[in-house]
Amino acid sequence: MYLRPAFRGLSLGRRILRLLEVDARAQGLHVAQLETGVDNRAALALYHCEGYHPIPPYRPGRDPSINRALRKQL
C-alpha cells in the first residue's frame, strides 16, 4: 500500500488493510503475508497494531536488514 503524504495520518491505511483482510477471508484465505521496508516505521507500527507478526523472509534473496516480512492469521 502507498498513500500520498497529504493523505497520511487519516487512518486510510488501516481502513484499506482491513478491507483487504475482509476480502481475503471472503475468498477463503486464512493467512495474510506482507513485506515492508525496515525504515517504514509507520507501516511497521500499523501492521503490529493490526496483529501481524515478524516471520523469516518468504521470498528468496530478500535481505532482512532491508525488508521485513510479516504474517497474520485471518
Protein backbone atom coordinates (compact mmCIF):
# COMPACT_ATOMS: atom_id res chain seq x y z
CA MET A 1 0.00 0.00 0.00
CA TYR A 2 1.08 3.53 -0.58
CA LEU A 3 -0.57 6.77 0.48
CA ARG A 4 0.49 10.16 -0.75
CA PRO A 5 1.83 12.28 2.10
CA ALA A 6 -1.23 14.55 2.04
CA PHE A 7 -3.44 11.56 2.92
CA ARG A 8 -1.33 10.11 5.72
CA GLY A 9 -2.47 10.30 9.32
CA LEU A 10 -6.14 9.86 8.40
CA SER A 11 -6.30 6.12 9.19
CA LEU A 12 -6.79 5.38 5.49
CA GLY A 13 -4.02 2.76 5.50
CA ARG A 14 -5.72 0.95 8.39
CA ARG A 15 -9.08 1.06 6.59
CA ILE A 16 -7.57 -0.26 3.36
CA LEU A 17 -5.74 -3.04 5.22
CA ARG A 18 -8.92 -4.12 7.00
CA LEU A 19 -10.89 -4.12 3.74
CA LEU A 20 -8.20 -6.26 2.12
CA GLU A 21 -8.40 -8.70 5.03
CA VAL A 22 -12.21 -8.87 4.78
CA ASP A 23 -11.91 -9.58 1.07
CA ALA A 24 -9.26 -12.24 1.66
CA ARG A 25 -11.47 -14.01 4.22
CA ALA A 26 -14.42 -13.86 1.82
CA GLN A 27 -12.25 -15.67 -0.72
CA GLY A 28 -11.47 -18.41 1.79
CA LEU A 29 -7.96 -17.33 2.68
CA HIS A 30 -6.74 -17.88 6.22
CA VAL A 31 -3.34 -16.17 6.28
CA ALA A 32 -2.10 -12.76 5.16
CA GLN A 33 1.58 -12.16 4.46
CA LEU A 34 3.19 -8.89 3.55
CA GLU A 35 6.50 -7.14 3.34
CA THR A 36 7.68 -3.62 4.07
CA GLY A 37 10.96 -1.81 4.48
CA VAL A 38 12.69 -1.67 7.85
CA ASP A 39 12.70 2.14 7.71
CA ASN A 40 8.95 2.39 7.18
CA ARG A 41 8.16 2.83 10.86
CA ALA A 42 4.57 3.94 10.29
CA ALA A 43 3.78 0.78 8.30
CA LEU A 44 5.52 -1.46 10.81
CA ALA A 45 3.57 0.14 13.66
CA LEU A 46 0.29 -0.25 11.77
CA TYR A 47 0.91 -3.90 10.97
CA HIS A 48 1.97 -4.64 14.55
CA CYS A 49 -1.19 -2.97 15.91
CA GLU A 50 -3.29 -4.98 13.45
CA GLY A 51 -1.86 -8.29 14.68
CA TYR A 52 0.90 -9.01 12.17
CA HIS A 53 3.98 -10.80 13.48
CA PRO A 54 7.50 -10.94 12.00
CA ILE A 55 8.42 -14.03 10.03
CA PRO A 56 11.54 -15.09 8.12
CA PRO A 57 11.72 -13.76 4.55
CA TYR A 58 9.35 -15.69 2.31
CA ARG A 59 10.94 -14.61 -0.96
CA PRO A 60 14.38 -15.86 -1.89
CA GLY A 61 17.07 -13.21 -1.89
CA ARG A 62 15.29 -10.75 0.42
CA ASP A 63 17.63 -9.06 2.84
CA PRO A 64 16.12 -8.92 6.36
CA SER A 65 18.30 -5.89 7.12
CA ILE A 66 16.29 -4.03 4.44
CA ASN A 67 12.92 -5.79 4.32
CA ARG A 68 10.57 -7.11 6.97
CA ALA A 69 8.16 -9.94 6.28
CA LEU A 70 5.04 -10.22 8.43
CA ARG A 71 2.12 -12.63 8.77
CA LYS A 72 -1.31 -12.68 10.35
CA GLN A 73 -3.87 -15.44 10.77
CA LEU A 74 -7.14 -14.27 9.34
